[in-house]
Amino acid sequence: MAYILVIDDEKVIAMVIKEILESKGYKVVTASDGGTGIEYLFKHPKPDLVLTDLRMPGIDGCTVINTMNSDPDLRKIPKVIISGSIPELSDLPPENSYDALLVKPFDLDELIRTIQALTSADTGVSLSTASV
């Protein structure tokens, strides 16, 4: 099963996502901010997918995604934005730089379907407009 990094400054949300995904067989690691998430990406085995909050203090989700896309080893990892508000287009990274957008509160089944689609080796699915 896939290995997922969840980056979210809301600890309760990160914990709930972790528990739900682990109950489905995923290995999940959490980071409480963008800086910690980026540091994790460079110092540990690469995850199969990254879920990142968009708005966080310090380093935000846009910076996480831009950093990943600028590194050849991280560029191909699917990136899913999770956001507590419907972001303005100007708040988002460029359209083709992430794979899905889920607006909190999102349906947990939609989260799982998104992760399954993006971590399946034989799919080329892009869910850049997936939101609930």
N, C-alpha and C. Protein backbone atom coordinates (compact mmCIF):
# COMPACT_ATOMS: atom_id res chain seq x y z
N MET A 1 0.84 -1.19 0.00
CA MET A 1 0.00 0.00 0.00
C MET A 1 0.89 1.24 0.00
N ALA A 2 0.35 2.34 -0.43
CA ALA A 2 1.11 3.58 -0.61
C ALA A 2 1.52 4.23 0.71
N TYR A 3 2.57 5.00 0.60
CA TYR A 3 3.16 5.76 1.70
C TYR A 3 2.84 7.23 1.46
N ILE A 4 2.17 7.88 2.45
CA ILE A 4 1.63 9.23 2.25
C ILE A 4 2.17 10.19 3.31
N LEU A 5 2.54 11.39 2.86
CA LEU A 5 2.93 12.47 3.76
C LEU A 5 1.78 13.47 3.81
N VAL A 6 1.29 13.74 5.02
CA VAL A 6 0.23 14.73 5.23
C VAL A 6 0.86 15.94 5.90
N ILE A 7 0.72 17.12 5.26
CA ILE A 7 1.25 18.36 5.82
C ILE A 7 0.07 19.27 6.12
N ASP A 8 -0.19 19.48 7.41
CA ASP A 8 -1.32 20.32 7.82
C ASP A 8 -1.05 20.87 9.20
N ASP A 9 -1.25 22.17 9.37
CA ASP A 9 -1.02 22.79 10.67
C ASP A 9 -2.17 22.54 11.65
N GLU A 10 -3.29 22.03 11.17
CA GLU A 10 -4.40 21.68 12.05
C GLU A 10 -4.21 20.23 12.48
N LYS A 11 -3.71 20.06 13.71
CA LYS A 11 -3.31 18.74 14.19
C LYS A 11 -4.47 17.74 14.21
N VAL A 12 -5.67 18.19 14.53
CA VAL A 12 -6.82 17.28 14.58
C VAL A 12 -7.12 16.76 13.18
N ILE A 13 -7.08 17.63 12.20
CA ILE A 13 -7.35 17.20 10.82
C ILE A 13 -6.28 16.21 10.36
N ALA A 14 -5.01 16.52 10.63
CA ALA A 14 -3.92 15.62 10.25
C ALA A 14 -4.09 14.26 10.93
N MET A 15 -4.47 14.27 12.21
CA MET A 15 -4.65 13.02 12.95
C MET A 15 -5.81 12.20 12.38
N VAL A 16 -6.92 12.86 12.06
CA VAL A 16 -8.08 12.15 11.50
C VAL A 16 -7.72 11.54 10.14
N ILE A 17 -7.06 12.33 9.29
CA ILE A 17 -6.65 11.81 7.98
C ILE A 17 -5.72 10.62 8.16
N LYS A 18 -4.77 10.74 9.07
CA LYS A 18 -3.82 9.65 9.32
C LYS A 18 -4.55 8.39 9.77
N GLU A 19 -5.45 8.52 10.74
CA GLU A 19 -6.17 7.35 11.25
C GLU A 19 -7.03 6.69 10.18
N ILE A 20 -7.72 7.50 9.40
CA ILE A 20 -8.58 6.95 8.33
C ILE A 20 -7.73 6.22 7.29
N LEU A 21 -6.65 6.85 6.85
CA LEU A 21 -5.82 6.23 5.81
C LEU A 21 -5.10 4.99 6.33
N GLU A 22 -4.63 5.03 7.57
CA GLU A 22 -3.98 3.84 8.14
C GLU A 22 -4.98 2.69 8.27
N SER A 23 -6.24 3.01 8.56
CA SER A 23 -7.25 1.95 8.64
C SER A 23 -7.50 1.30 7.28
N LYS A 24 -7.13 2.02 6.21
CA LYS A 24 -7.27 1.49 4.85
C LYS A 24 -5.97 0.83 4.36
N GLY A 25 -4.96 0.77 5.24
CA GLY A 25 -3.72 0.09 4.89
C GLY A 25 -2.59 0.99 4.42
N TYR A 26 -2.79 2.30 4.37
CA TYR A 26 -1.74 3.21 3.95
C TYR A 26 -0.77 3.45 5.11
N LYS A 27 0.49 3.70 4.77
CA LYS A 27 1.46 4.16 5.75
C LYS A 27 1.42 5.68 5.68
N VAL A 28 1.25 6.35 6.83
CA VAL A 28 1.08 7.79 6.84
C VAL A 28 2.02 8.45 7.83
N VAL A 29 2.66 9.53 7.38
CA VAL A 29 3.49 10.36 8.22
C VAL A 29 2.91 11.76 8.15
N THR A 30 2.93 12.49 9.28
CA THR A 30 2.40 13.86 9.27
C THR A 30 3.50 14.86 9.59
N ALA A 31 3.30 16.07 9.07
CA ALA A 31 4.16 17.21 9.37
C ALA A 31 3.23 18.37 9.71
N SER A 32 3.58 19.15 10.71
CA SER A 32 2.69 20.20 11.21
C SER A 32 2.84 21.54 10.50
N ASP A 33 3.77 21.64 9.55
CA ASP A 33 3.91 22.87 8.78
C ASP A 33 4.70 22.58 7.51
N GLY A 34 4.68 23.55 6.61
CA GLY A 34 5.34 23.37 5.32
C GLY A 34 6.84 23.15 5.42
N GLY A 35 7.48 23.88 6.32
CA GLY A 35 8.93 23.73 6.48
C GLY A 35 9.31 22.34 6.93
N THR A 36 8.58 21.82 7.90
CA THR A 36 8.83 20.46 8.39
C THR A 36 8.56 19.44 7.29
N GLY A 37 7.50 19.68 6.51
CA GLY A 37 7.17 18.78 5.41
C GLY A 37 8.26 18.74 4.36
N ILE A 38 8.78 19.91 3.98
CA ILE A 38 9.85 19.98 2.99
C ILE A 38 11.11 19.29 3.53
N GLU A 39 11.42 19.56 4.78
CA GLU A 39 12.59 18.92 5.39
C GLU A 39 12.44 17.40 5.37
N TYR A 40 11.24 16.92 5.68
CA TYR A 40 10.98 15.47 5.66
C TYR A 40 11.21 14.91 4.26
N LEU A 41 10.72 15.61 3.25
CA LEU A 41 10.86 15.14 1.87
C LEU A 41 12.33 14.96 1.46
N PHE A 42 13.20 15.81 1.95
CA PHE A 42 14.61 15.75 1.57
C PHE A 42 15.43 14.80 2.43
N LYS A 43 14.92 14.42 3.61
CA LYS A 43 15.72 13.61 4.53
C LYS A 43 15.23 12.17 4.71
N HIS A 44 14.09 11.83 4.15
CA HIS A 44 13.50 10.51 4.36
C HIS A 44 13.13 9.88 3.02
N PRO A 45 12.77 8.60 3.05
CA PRO A 45 12.31 7.98 1.79
C PRO A 45 11.13 8.76 1.21
N LYS A 46 11.10 8.82 -0.09
CA LYS A 46 10.09 9.62 -0.78
C LYS A 46 8.71 8.97 -0.64
N PRO A 47 7.70 9.77 -0.28
CA PRO A 47 6.34 9.22 -0.21
C PRO A 47 5.78 8.98 -1.61
N ASP A 48 4.70 8.21 -1.66
CA ASP A 48 4.01 7.97 -2.92
C ASP A 48 3.03 9.09 -3.26
N LEU A 49 2.70 9.91 -2.25
CA LEU A 49 1.74 11.00 -2.44
C LEU A 49 1.91 11.99 -1.29
N VAL A 50 1.69 13.27 -1.57
CA VAL A 50 1.73 14.31 -0.53
C VAL A 50 0.38 15.01 -0.51
N LEU A 51 -0.20 15.09 0.69
CA LEU A 51 -1.39 15.90 0.94
C LEU A 51 -0.90 17.14 1.67
N THR A 52 -1.18 18.32 1.17
CA THR A 52 -0.74 19.52 1.86
C THR A 52 -1.85 20.54 1.99
N ASP A 53 -1.95 21.11 3.17
CA ASP A 53 -2.84 22.24 3.39
C ASP A 53 -2.30 23.39 2.55
N LEU A 54 -3.17 24.26 2.13
CA LEU A 54 -2.75 25.40 1.32
C LEU A 54 -2.27 26.55 2.20
N ARG A 55 -3.06 26.88 3.19
CA ARG A 55 -2.73 28.04 4.04
C ARG A 55 -2.22 27.55 5.39
N MET A 56 -0.94 27.80 5.61
CA MET A 56 -0.28 27.46 6.88
C MET A 56 0.64 28.61 7.24
N PRO A 57 0.87 28.80 8.53
CA PRO A 57 1.84 29.83 8.90
C PRO A 57 3.24 29.46 8.41
N GLY A 58 4.03 30.45 8.11
CA GLY A 58 5.39 30.17 7.62
C GLY A 58 5.34 29.73 6.18
N ILE A 59 5.84 28.55 5.92
CA ILE A 59 5.87 28.02 4.56
C ILE A 59 4.50 27.40 4.23
N ASP A 60 3.86 27.93 3.20
CA ASP A 60 2.51 27.47 2.84
C ASP A 60 2.54 26.33 1.83
N GLY A 61 1.35 25.83 1.50
CA GLY A 61 1.24 24.72 0.57
C GLY A 61 1.74 25.02 -0.83
N CYS A 62 1.56 26.27 -1.28
CA CYS A 62 2.09 26.65 -2.60
C CYS A 62 3.60 26.48 -2.64
N THR A 63 4.26 26.90 -1.58
CA THR A 63 5.72 26.78 -1.52
C THR A 63 6.13 25.32 -1.48
N VAL A 64 5.39 24.50 -0.75
CA VAL A 64 5.68 23.06 -0.70
C VAL A 64 5.61 22.49 -2.12
N ILE A 65 4.53 22.80 -2.82
CA ILE A 65 4.34 22.27 -4.17
C ILE A 65 5.40 22.81 -5.13
N ASN A 66 5.70 24.10 -5.06
CA ASN A 66 6.72 24.68 -5.93
C ASN A 66 8.09 24.07 -5.65
N THR A 67 8.40 23.83 -4.38
CA THR A 67 9.67 23.20 -4.01
C THR A 67 9.74 21.79 -4.58
N MET A 68 8.65 21.04 -4.44
CA MET A 68 8.62 19.67 -4.97
C MET A 68 8.81 19.68 -6.48
N ASN A 69 8.12 20.60 -7.16
CA ASN A 69 8.19 20.63 -8.62
C ASN A 69 9.54 21.10 -9.14
N SER A 70 10.32 21.78 -8.32
CA SER A 70 11.63 22.24 -8.76
C SER A 70 12.72 21.20 -8.52
N ASP A 71 12.38 20.10 -7.86
CA ASP A 71 13.36 19.05 -7.58
C ASP A 71 13.03 17.80 -8.42
N PRO A 72 13.99 17.31 -9.21
CA PRO A 72 13.71 16.16 -10.07
C PRO A 72 13.27 14.90 -9.31
N ASP A 73 13.74 14.73 -8.09
CA ASP A 73 13.38 13.54 -7.30
C ASP A 73 11.98 13.66 -6.69
N LEU A 74 11.46 14.86 -6.57
CA LEU A 74 10.16 15.07 -5.93
C LEU A 74 9.06 15.43 -6.92
N ARG A 75 9.44 15.86 -8.11
CA ARG A 75 8.50 16.38 -9.10
C ARG A 75 7.39 15.39 -9.45
N LYS A 76 7.72 14.11 -9.54
CA LYS A 76 6.75 13.12 -10.00
C LYS A 76 5.80 12.62 -8.91
N ILE A 77 6.05 13.01 -7.67
CA ILE A 77 5.17 12.59 -6.58
C ILE A 77 3.83 13.32 -6.71
N PRO A 78 2.71 12.59 -6.71
CA PRO A 78 1.41 13.26 -6.78
C PRO A 78 1.21 14.18 -5.58
N LYS A 79 0.61 15.35 -5.86
CA LYS A 79 0.40 16.38 -4.85
C LYS A 79 -1.09 16.71 -4.79
N VAL A 80 -1.65 16.64 -3.58
CA VAL A 80 -3.06 16.96 -3.37
C VAL A 80 -3.14 18.12 -2.39
N ILE A 81 -3.82 19.18 -2.79
CA ILE A 81 -4.04 20.33 -1.91
C ILE A 81 -5.32 20.07 -1.12
N ILE A 82 -5.23 20.28 0.19
CA ILE A 82 -6.42 20.25 1.04
C ILE A 82 -6.53 21.65 1.65
N SER A 83 -7.69 22.27 1.50
CA SER A 83 -7.83 23.66 1.93
C SER A 83 -9.12 23.86 2.69
N GLY A 84 -9.06 24.68 3.74
CA GLY A 84 -10.22 24.97 4.56
C GLY A 84 -11.15 26.01 3.96
N SER A 85 -10.73 26.63 2.89
CA SER A 85 -11.59 27.61 2.22
C SER A 85 -11.40 27.44 0.72
N ILE A 86 -12.40 27.87 0.00
CA ILE A 86 -12.27 27.80 -1.45
C ILE A 86 -11.28 28.89 -1.85
N PRO A 87 -10.11 28.45 -2.30
CA PRO A 87 -9.08 29.45 -2.59
C PRO A 87 -9.35 30.22 -3.87
N GLU A 88 -8.86 31.43 -3.90
CA GLU A 88 -8.86 32.22 -5.13
C GLU A 88 -7.84 31.60 -6.07
N LEU A 89 -8.03 31.74 -7.36
CA LEU A 89 -7.08 31.20 -8.31
C LEU A 89 -5.67 31.73 -8.06
N SER A 90 -5.58 32.97 -7.61
CA SER A 90 -4.26 33.55 -7.35
C SER A 90 -3.57 32.93 -6.14
N ASP A 91 -4.34 32.26 -5.28
CA ASP A 91 -3.77 31.59 -4.10
C ASP A 91 -3.21 30.22 -4.43
N LEU A 92 -3.60 29.68 -5.57
CA LEU A 92 -3.20 28.32 -5.94
C LEU A 92 -1.89 28.33 -6.73
N PRO A 93 -1.15 27.23 -6.63
CA PRO A 93 0.00 27.10 -7.53
C PRO A 93 -0.52 26.94 -8.96
N PRO A 94 0.34 27.03 -9.97
CA PRO A 94 -0.11 26.86 -11.35
C PRO A 94 -0.91 25.55 -11.52
N GLU A 95 -1.91 25.60 -12.37
CA GLU A 95 -2.88 24.51 -12.52
C GLU A 95 -2.25 23.13 -12.70
N ASN A 96 -1.25 22.99 -13.50
CA ASN A 96 -0.66 21.68 -13.77
C ASN A 96 0.42 21.28 -12.77
N SER A 97 0.56 22.01 -11.67
CA SER A 97 1.62 21.70 -10.71
C SER A 97 1.16 20.83 -9.57
N TYR A 98 -0.13 20.56 -9.48
CA TYR A 98 -0.68 19.67 -8.46
C TYR A 98 -1.72 18.78 -9.12
N ASP A 99 -2.11 17.73 -8.41
CA ASP A 99 -2.95 16.71 -9.04
C ASP A 99 -4.41 16.74 -8.61
N ALA A 100 -4.69 17.32 -7.44
CA ALA A 100 -6.08 17.38 -6.98
C ALA A 100 -6.22 18.47 -5.93
N LEU A 101 -7.45 18.95 -5.78
CA LEU A 101 -7.80 19.95 -4.78
C LEU A 101 -9.03 19.45 -4.06
N LEU A 102 -8.93 19.32 -2.74
CA LEU A 102 -10.07 18.93 -1.91
C LEU A 102 -10.31 20.05 -0.91
N VAL A 103 -11.55 20.54 -0.85
CA VAL A 103 -11.89 21.64 0.04
C VAL A 103 -12.49 21.06 1.32
N LYS A 104 -11.91 21.48 2.47
CA LYS A 104 -12.39 21.05 3.78
C LYS A 104 -13.72 21.74 4.08
N PRO A 105 -14.66 21.09 4.70
CA PRO A 105 -14.61 19.68 5.07
C PRO A 105 -14.92 18.82 3.86
N PHE A 106 -14.01 17.92 3.53
CA PHE A 106 -14.22 17.05 2.37
C PHE A 106 -14.75 15.72 2.85
N ASP A 107 -15.36 15.02 1.92
CA ASP A 107 -15.89 13.70 2.18
C ASP A 107 -14.71 12.73 2.25
N LEU A 108 -14.64 11.93 3.31
CA LEU A 108 -13.51 11.02 3.47
C LEU A 108 -13.46 9.97 2.37
N ASP A 109 -14.63 9.56 1.87
CA ASP A 109 -14.63 8.62 0.75
C ASP A 109 -14.01 9.25 -0.50
N GLU A 110 -14.25 10.55 -0.71
CA GLU A 110 -13.65 11.26 -1.85
C GLU A 110 -12.14 11.34 -1.68
N LEU A 111 -11.69 11.57 -0.45
CA LEU A 111 -10.25 11.59 -0.17
C LEU A 111 -9.62 10.25 -0.52
N ILE A 112 -10.25 9.19 -0.08
CA ILE A 112 -9.72 7.84 -0.34
C ILE A 112 -9.73 7.53 -1.83
N ARG A 113 -10.82 7.87 -2.53
CA ARG A 113 -10.88 7.63 -3.98
C ARG A 113 -9.79 8.42 -4.71
N THR A 114 -9.57 9.65 -4.28
CA THR A 114 -8.53 10.48 -4.89
C THR A 114 -7.16 9.86 -4.70
N ILE A 115 -6.87 9.44 -3.48
CA ILE A 115 -5.58 8.82 -3.18
C ILE A 115 -5.41 7.52 -3.96
N GLN A 116 -6.46 6.71 -4.01
CA GLN A 116 -6.38 5.46 -4.76
C GLN A 116 -6.10 5.73 -6.24
N ALA A 117 -6.77 6.71 -6.81
CA ALA A 117 -6.57 7.02 -8.22
C ALA A 117 -5.16 7.51 -8.49
N LEU A 118 -4.63 8.31 -7.59
CA LEU A 118 -3.31 8.91 -7.82
C LEU A 118 -2.15 7.99 -7.45
N THR A 119 -2.41 6.96 -6.67
CA THR A 119 -1.33 6.05 -6.29
C THR A 119 -1.38 4.74 -7.06
N SER A 120 -2.36 4.58 -7.93
CA SER A 120 -2.42 3.39 -8.78
C SER A 120 -1.40 3.54 -9.89
N ALA A 121 -0.49 2.59 -9.99
CA ALA A 121 0.62 2.69 -10.95
C ALA A 121 0.14 2.75 -12.39
N ASP A 122 -0.99 2.13 -12.67
CA ASP A 122 -1.41 2.04 -14.06
C ASP A 122 -2.37 3.15 -14.48
N THR A 123 -2.61 4.14 -13.63
CA THR A 123 -3.50 5.22 -14.04
C THR A 123 -2.73 6.48 -14.32
N GLY A 124 -3.21 7.24 -15.24
CA GLY A 124 -2.65 8.55 -15.52
C GLY A 124 -3.66 9.60 -15.15
N VAL A 125 -4.44 9.32 -14.10
CA VAL A 125 -5.57 10.16 -13.73
C VAL A 125 -5.07 11.47 -13.13
N SER A 126 -5.64 12.56 -13.57
CA SER A 126 -5.40 13.85 -12.94
C SER A 126 -6.73 14.35 -12.41
N LEU A 127 -6.75 14.68 -11.15
CA LEU A 127 -8.00 15.10 -10.50
C LEU A 127 -7.89 16.54 -10.04
N SER A 128 -7.33 17.41 -10.85
CA SER A 128 -7.03 18.77 -10.42
C SER A 128 -8.26 19.57 -10.01
N THR A 129 -9.46 19.11 -10.34
CA THR A 129 -10.64 19.84 -9.93
C THR A 129 -11.49 19.05 -8.95
N ALA A 130 -10.96 17.96 -8.41
CA ALA A 130 -11.74 17.17 -7.47
C ALA A 130 -11.93 17.94 -6.18
N SER A 131 -13.17 18.27 -5.86
CA SER A 131 -13.47 18.93 -4.60
C SER A 131 -14.88 18.57 -4.19
N VAL A 132 -15.10 18.64 -2.90
CA VAL A 132 -16.42 18.30 -2.37
C VAL A 132 -16.89 19.43 -1.49
